[in-house]
Amino acid sequence: MSQTNIQTRKSLKIHPQKFAMWIAIATIIMMFGGFTSGYIVRRSQGMWEVFEMPQIFIASTIAICLSSLTMIFALRNYKKAQFGTFRTLMVITLLLGVAFSVMQLAGFSEMHQRNLKISGNPSSSFLYIIAGIHILHILGGVITIAYQLIKTRKNELTEDRIVGLEILSTYWHFVDLLWLYLYVFFIFFR
């Protein structure tokens, strides 16, 4: 077998950690698909309180979308060995992720003040549970971003670190898209 064929076959294989991430993403998709399906079924059974989404959720959605952009540019700068710009963009991504979580909690607080409680009507219970589990996924991403910032503090461009950042980037974009799906879902199925 020629060297070119070996390199081609090797490049067609997916990294085992990336494969594991895609399996995890598929699992999360199924979980949230189950949650939203259960939401629709329960809603159709009646005794459903229509609620307004807190306005701060718009700002949190903008923050999480911006964080995806900063993550894209951070990864590009890391691959170009522009470590200062990479770190700045990763810190911004981290801060936007934290801002998203804080704004989500403020939105839940606002809902609670409007007497929409987790133990109240099933409509608000579903919202708290689904969005709450999403926030846990965001916090997992925020912790991983902080870890990657520590791990990449040395100005070394290695394949291992690139793979780790690519996996993180994939996960981060996924949880961002997941929130967009959930937000639109909650707007249309109040």
C-alpha atoms as a PDB file:
ATOM      1  CA  MET A   1       0.000   0.000   0.000  1.00  0.00           C
ATOM      2  CA  SER A   2       1.397   3.383  -0.898  1.00  0.00           C
ATOM      3  CA  GLN A   3       2.029   6.159   1.641  1.00  0.00           C
ATOM      4  CA  THR A   4      -0.746   8.259   0.059  1.00  0.00           C
ATOM      5  CA  ASN A   5      -3.311   5.466   0.504  1.00  0.00           C
ATOM      6  CA  ILE A   6      -2.278   4.973   4.133  1.00  0.00           C
ATOM      7  CA  GLN A   7      -2.608   8.708   4.828  1.00  0.00           C
ATOM      8  CA  THR A   8      -5.983   8.836   3.069  1.00  0.00           C
ATOM      9  CA  ARG A   9      -7.323   5.884   5.082  1.00  0.00           C
ATOM     10  CA  LYS A  10      -5.948   7.395   8.288  1.00  0.00           C
ATOM     11  CA  SER A  11      -7.542  10.779   7.557  1.00  0.00           C
ATOM     12  CA  LEU A  12     -10.959   9.156   6.977  1.00  0.00           C
ATOM     13  CA  LYS A  13     -11.061   7.789  10.522  1.00  0.00           C
ATOM     14  CA  ILE A  14     -12.736   9.835  13.213  1.00  0.00           C
ATOM     15  CA  HIS A  15     -10.781  10.474  16.382  1.00  0.00           C
ATOM     16  CA  PRO A  16     -12.128   8.197  19.179  1.00  0.00           C
ATOM     17  CA  GLN A  17     -12.775  11.154  21.492  1.00  0.00           C
ATOM     18  CA  LYS A  18     -14.652  12.990  18.749  1.00  0.00           C
ATOM     19  CA  PHE A  19     -16.707   9.863  18.131  1.00  0.00           C
ATOM     20  CA  ALA A  20     -17.515   9.675  21.856  1.00  0.00           C
ATOM     21  CA  MET A  21     -18.627  13.317  21.736  1.00  0.00           C
ATOM     22  CA  TRP A  22     -20.985  12.596  18.843  1.00  0.00           C
ATOM     23  CA  ILE A  23     -22.453   9.650  20.780  1.00  0.00           C
ATOM     24  CA  ALA A  24     -22.962  11.946  23.790  1.00  0.00           C
ATOM     25  CA  ILE A  25     -24.604  14.570  21.574  1.00  0.00           C
ATOM     26  CA  ALA A  26     -26.940  11.937  20.094  1.00  0.00           C
ATOM     27  CA  THR A  27     -27.878  10.882  23.628  1.00  0.00           C
ATOM     28  CA  ILE A  28     -28.568  14.474  24.672  1.00  0.00           C
ATOM     29  CA  ILE A  29     -30.686  15.009  21.541  1.00  0.00           C
ATOM     30  CA  MET A  30     -32.766  11.951  22.418  1.00  0.00           C
ATOM     31  CA  MET A  31     -33.153  13.150  26.011  1.00  0.00           C
ATOM     32  CA  PHE A  32     -34.366  16.625  25.021  1.00  0.00           C
ATOM     33  CA  GLY A  33     -36.497  15.108  22.255  1.00  0.00           C
ATOM     34  CA  GLY A  34     -38.176  13.025  24.937  1.00  0.00           C
ATOM     35  CA  PHE A  35     -38.636  16.058  27.170  1.00  0.00           C
ATOM     36  CA  THR A  36     -40.208  18.170  24.438  1.00  0.00           C
ATOM     37  CA  SER A  37     -42.386  15.271  23.259  1.00  0.00           C
ATOM     38  CA  GLY A  38     -43.601  14.780  26.829  1.00  0.00           C
ATOM     39  CA  TYR A  39     -44.281  18.515  27.020  1.00  0.00           C
ATOM     40  CA  ILE A  40     -46.461  18.395  23.886  1.00  0.00           C
ATOM     41  CA  VAL A  41     -48.353  15.298  25.053  1.00  0.00           C
ATOM     42  CA  ARG A  42     -49.016  16.766  28.514  1.00  0.00           C
ATOM     43  CA  ARG A  43     -50.050  20.109  26.999  1.00  0.00           C
ATOM     44  CA  SER A  44     -52.684  18.374  24.862  1.00  0.00           C
ATOM     45  CA  GLN A  45     -54.292  16.858  27.970  1.00  0.00           C
ATOM     46  CA  GLY A  46     -55.551  20.214  29.228  1.00  0.00           C
ATOM     47  CA  MET A  47     -55.184  22.177  32.467  1.00  0.00           C
ATOM     48  CA  TRP A  48     -52.247  23.951  30.877  1.00  0.00           C
ATOM     49  CA  GLU A  49     -51.311  27.463  31.942  1.00  0.00           C
ATOM     50  CA  VAL A  50     -50.040  29.690  29.142  1.00  0.00           C
ATOM     51  CA  PHE A  51     -46.995  31.659  30.271  1.00  0.00           C
ATOM     52  CA  GLU A  52     -44.914  34.482  28.899  1.00  0.00           C
ATOM     53  CA  MET A  53     -41.211  33.917  28.488  1.00  0.00           C
ATOM     54  CA  PRO A  54     -39.166  36.436  30.490  1.00  0.00           C
ATOM     55  CA  GLN A  55     -37.675  39.171  28.281  1.00  0.00           C
ATOM     56  CA  ILE A  56     -34.229  38.498  29.730  1.00  0.00           C
ATOM     57  CA  PHE A  57     -34.263  35.197  27.805  1.00  0.00           C
ATOM     58  CA  ILE A  58     -33.837  37.258  24.621  1.00  0.00           C
ATOM     59  CA  ALA A  59     -30.623  38.751  26.006  1.00  0.00           C
ATOM     60  CA  SER A  60     -29.420  35.339  27.173  1.00  0.00           C
ATOM     61  CA  THR A  61     -30.088  33.932  23.695  1.00  0.00           C
ATOM     62  CA  ILE A  62     -28.035  36.719  22.128  1.00  0.00           C
ATOM     63  CA  ALA A  63     -25.216  36.045  24.617  1.00  0.00           C
ATOM     64  CA  ILE A  64     -25.109  32.327  23.829  1.00  0.00           C
ATOM     65  CA  CYS A  65     -25.152  32.988  20.061  1.00  0.00           C
ATOM     66  CA  LEU A  66     -22.269  35.459  20.417  1.00  0.00           C
ATOM     67  CA  SER A  67     -20.374  32.860  22.433  1.00  0.00           C
ATOM     68  CA  SER A  68     -20.542  30.477  19.475  1.00  0.00           C
ATOM     69  CA  LEU A  69     -18.944  33.133  17.290  1.00  0.00           C
ATOM     70  CA  THR A  70     -16.168  33.802  19.776  1.00  0.00           C
ATOM     71  CA  MET A  71     -15.562  30.045  20.058  1.00  0.00           C
ATOM     72  CA  ILE A  72     -15.204  29.758  16.266  1.00  0.00           C
ATOM     73  CA  PHE A  73     -12.665  32.580  16.147  1.00  0.00           C
ATOM     74  CA  ALA A  74     -10.825  31.299  19.233  1.00  0.00           C
ATOM     75  CA  LEU A  75     -10.266  27.890  17.626  1.00  0.00           C
ATOM     76  CA  ARG A  76      -9.125  29.481  14.365  1.00  0.00           C
ATOM     77  CA  ASN A  77      -6.627  31.663  16.227  1.00  0.00           C
ATOM     78  CA  TYR A  78      -5.295  28.714  18.196  1.00  0.00           C
ATOM     79  CA  LYS A  79      -4.677  26.800  14.960  1.00  0.00           C
ATOM     80  CA  LYS A  80      -2.818  29.855  13.605  1.00  0.00           C
ATOM     81  CA  ALA A  81      -0.714  29.924  16.799  1.00  0.00           C
ATOM     82  CA  GLN A  82      -2.108  33.354  17.708  1.00  0.00           C
ATOM     83  CA  PHE A  83      -2.291  32.458  21.381  1.00  0.00           C
ATOM     84  CA  GLY A  84      -3.002  35.919  22.809  1.00  0.00           C
ATOM     85  CA  THR A  85      -6.052  36.409  20.619  1.00  0.00           C
ATOM     86  CA  PHE A  86      -7.109  32.808  21.279  1.00  0.00           C
ATOM     87  CA  ARG A  87      -7.033  33.334  25.047  1.00  0.00           C
ATOM     88  CA  THR A  88      -8.921  36.633  24.822  1.00  0.00           C
ATOM     89  CA  LEU A  89     -11.650  35.030  22.711  1.00  0.00           C
ATOM     90  CA  MET A  90     -11.875  32.003  25.021  1.00  0.00           C
ATOM     91  CA  VAL A  91     -12.249  34.277  28.057  1.00  0.00           C
ATOM     92  CA  ILE A  92     -15.003  36.174  26.234  1.00  0.00           C
ATOM     93  CA  THR A  93     -16.683  32.849  25.396  1.00  0.00           C
ATOM     94  CA  LEU A  94     -16.407  31.825  29.039  1.00  0.00           C
ATOM     95  CA  LEU A  95     -17.884  35.123  30.232  1.00  0.00           C
ATOM     96  CA  LEU A  96     -20.739  34.904  27.724  1.00  0.00           C
ATOM     97  CA  GLY A  97     -21.504  31.380  28.944  1.00  0.00           C
ATOM     98  CA  VAL A  98     -21.579  32.602  32.543  1.00  0.00           C
ATOM     99  CA  ALA A  99     -23.701  35.611  31.503  1.00  0.00           C
ATOM    100  CA  PHE A 100     -26.149  33.247  29.764  1.00  0.00           C
ATOM    101  CA  SER A 101     -26.492  31.176  32.938  1.00  0.00           C
ATOM    102  CA  VAL A 102     -26.938  34.223  35.176  1.00  0.00           C
ATOM    103  CA  MET A 103     -29.583  35.661  32.841  1.00  0.00           C
ATOM    104  CA  GLN A 104     -31.389  32.320  32.757  1.00  0.00           C
ATOM    105  CA  LEU A 105     -31.458  32.240  36.550  1.00  0.00           C
ATOM    106  CA  ALA A 106     -32.764  35.824  36.582  1.00  0.00           C
ATOM    107  CA  GLY A 107     -35.492  34.729  34.152  1.00  0.00           C
ATOM    108  CA  PHE A 108     -36.453  31.840  36.417  1.00  0.00           C
ATOM    109  CA  SER A 109     -36.530  34.225  39.366  1.00  0.00           C
ATOM    110  CA  GLU A 110     -38.863  36.519  37.417  1.00  0.00           C
ATOM    111  CA  MET A 111     -41.102  33.557  36.606  1.00  0.00           C
ATOM    112  CA  HIS A 112     -41.142  32.529  40.249  1.00  0.00           C
ATOM    113  CA  GLN A 113     -42.200  36.065  41.227  1.00  0.00           C
ATOM    114  CA  ARG A 114     -45.084  35.786  38.724  1.00  0.00           C
ATOM    115  CA  ASN A 115     -46.139  32.673  40.641  1.00  0.00           C
ATOM    116  CA  LEU A 116     -44.930  30.257  37.945  1.00  0.00           C
ATOM    117  CA  LYS A 117     -43.332  27.641  40.175  1.00  0.00           C
ATOM    118  CA  ILE A 118     -41.798  24.265  39.513  1.00  0.00           C
ATOM    119  CA  SER A 119     -44.402  22.666  41.783  1.00  0.00           C
ATOM    120  CA  GLY A 120     -47.234  24.606  40.150  1.00  0.00           C
ATOM    121  CA  ASN A 121     -48.876  24.044  36.805  1.00  0.00           C
ATOM    122  CA  PRO A 122     -47.249  21.389  34.585  1.00  0.00           C
ATOM    123  CA  SER A 123     -46.430  24.047  31.961  1.00  0.00           C
ATOM    124  CA  SER A 124     -44.015  25.874  34.243  1.00  0.00           C
ATOM    125  CA  SER A 125     -42.726  22.598  35.721  1.00  0.00           C
ATOM    126  CA  PHE A 126     -41.707  21.407  32.267  1.00  0.00           C
ATOM    127  CA  LEU A 127     -40.048  24.744  31.489  1.00  0.00           C
ATOM    128  CA  TYR A 128     -38.013  24.722  34.717  1.00  0.00           C
ATOM    129  CA  ILE A 129     -36.889  21.130  34.265  1.00  0.00           C
ATOM    130  CA  ILE A 130     -36.007  21.355  30.563  1.00  0.00           C
ATOM    131  CA  ALA A 131     -34.247  24.731  30.766  1.00  0.00           C
ATOM    132  CA  GLY A 132     -32.616  23.768  34.076  1.00  0.00           C
ATOM    133  CA  ILE A 133     -31.066  20.642  32.598  1.00  0.00           C
ATOM    134  CA  HIS A 134     -29.876  22.745  29.659  1.00  0.00           C
ATOM    135  CA  ILE A 135     -28.173  25.156  32.078  1.00  0.00           C
ATOM    136  CA  LEU A 136     -26.341  22.180  33.612  1.00  0.00           C
ATOM    137  CA  HIS A 137     -25.013  21.342  30.141  1.00  0.00           C
ATOM    138  CA  ILE A 138     -23.923  24.968  29.682  1.00  0.00           C
ATOM    139  CA  LEU A 139     -22.161  24.936  33.056  1.00  0.00           C
ATOM    140  CA  GLY A 140     -20.366  21.748  32.012  1.00  0.00           C
ATOM    141  CA  GLY A 141     -19.197  23.624  28.916  1.00  0.00           C
ATOM    142  CA  VAL A 142     -18.117  26.640  30.971  1.00  0.00           C
ATOM    143  CA  ILE A 143     -16.050  24.410  33.256  1.00  0.00           C
ATOM    144  CA  THR A 144     -14.484  22.736  30.227  1.00  0.00           C
ATOM    145  CA  ILE A 145     -13.655  26.122  28.684  1.00  0.00           C
ATOM    146  CA  ALA A 146     -11.918  27.126  31.912  1.00  0.00           C
ATOM    147  CA  TYR A 147     -10.044  23.808  31.905  1.00  0.00           C
ATOM    148  CA  GLN A 148      -8.954  24.303  28.276  1.00  0.00           C
ATOM    149  CA  LEU A 149      -7.717  27.800  29.122  1.00  0.00           C
ATOM    150  CA  ILE A 150      -5.539  26.307  31.845  1.00  0.00           C
ATOM    151  CA  LYS A 151      -4.426  23.401  29.643  1.00  0.00           C
ATOM    152  CA  THR A 152      -3.405  25.699  26.761  1.00  0.00           C
ATOM    153  CA  ARG A 153      -1.626  28.325  28.880  1.00  0.00           C
ATOM    154  CA  LYS A 154       1.683  27.288  27.350  1.00  0.00           C
ATOM    155  CA  ASN A 155       2.118  28.609  23.839  1.00  0.00           C
ATOM    156  CA  GLU A 156       2.363  25.174  22.259  1.00  0.00           C
ATOM    157  CA  LEU A 157       0.420  24.058  19.241  1.00  0.00           C
ATOM    158  CA  THR A 158      -0.125  20.314  19.641  1.00  0.00           C
ATOM    159  CA  GLU A 159      -2.481  17.883  17.930  1.00  0.00           C
ATOM    160  CA  ASP A 160      -3.811  16.729  21.314  1.00  0.00           C
ATOM    161  CA  ARG A 161      -4.801  20.259  22.290  1.00  0.00           C
ATOM    162  CA  ILE A 162      -6.339  20.959  18.888  1.00  0.00           C
ATOM    163  CA  VAL A 163      -8.492  17.826  19.198  1.00  0.00           C
ATOM    164  CA  GLY A 164      -9.576  18.856  22.693  1.00  0.00           C
ATOM    165  CA  LEU A 165     -10.505  22.328  21.507  1.00  0.00           C
ATOM    166  CA  GLU A 166     -12.366  20.938  18.479  1.00  0.00           C
ATOM    167  CA  ILE A 167     -14.375  18.631  20.756  1.00  0.00           C
ATOM    168  CA  LEU A 168     -15.147  21.512  23.093  1.00  0.00           C
ATOM    169  CA  SER A 169     -16.118  23.689  20.146  1.00  0.00           C
ATOM    170  CA  THR A 170     -18.480  21.027  18.797  1.00  0.00           C
ATOM    171  CA  TYR A 171     -20.091  20.606  22.196  1.00  0.00           C
ATOM    172  CA  TRP A 172     -20.407  24.360  22.725  1.00  0.00           C
ATOM    173  CA  HIS A 173     -22.058  24.919  19.346  1.00  0.00           C
ATOM    174  CA  PHE A 174     -24.382  22.020  20.071  1.00  0.00           C
ATOM    175  CA  VAL A 175     -25.600  23.405  23.422  1.00  0.00           C
ATOM    176  CA  ASP A 176     -26.034  26.802  21.753  1.00  0.00           C
ATOM    177  CA  LEU A 177     -28.182  25.282  18.993  1.00  0.00           C
ATOM    178  CA  LEU A 178     -30.035  23.245  21.597  1.00  0.00           C
ATOM    179  CA  TRP A 179     -30.981  26.431  23.452  1.00  0.00           C
ATOM    180  CA  LEU A 180     -32.179  28.042  20.212  1.00  0.00           C
ATOM    181  CA  TYR A 181     -34.367  25.003  19.594  1.00  0.00           C
ATOM    182  CA  LEU A 182     -35.727  25.083  23.154  1.00  0.00           C
ATOM    183  CA  TYR A 183     -36.344  28.827  23.102  1.00  0.00           C
ATOM    184  CA  VAL A 184     -38.274  28.685  19.824  1.00  0.00           C
ATOM    185  CA  PHE A 185     -40.105  25.581  21.070  1.00  0.00           C
ATOM    186  CA  PHE A 186     -41.222  27.369  24.249  1.00  0.00           C
ATOM    187  CA  ILE A 187     -42.348  30.419  22.293  1.00  0.00           C
ATOM    188  CA  PHE A 188     -44.551  28.368  19.966  1.00  0.00           C
ATOM    189  CA  PHE A 189     -45.771  25.813  22.520  1.00  0.00           C
ATOM    190  CA  ARG A 190     -46.617  27.948  25.553  1.00  0.00           C
END
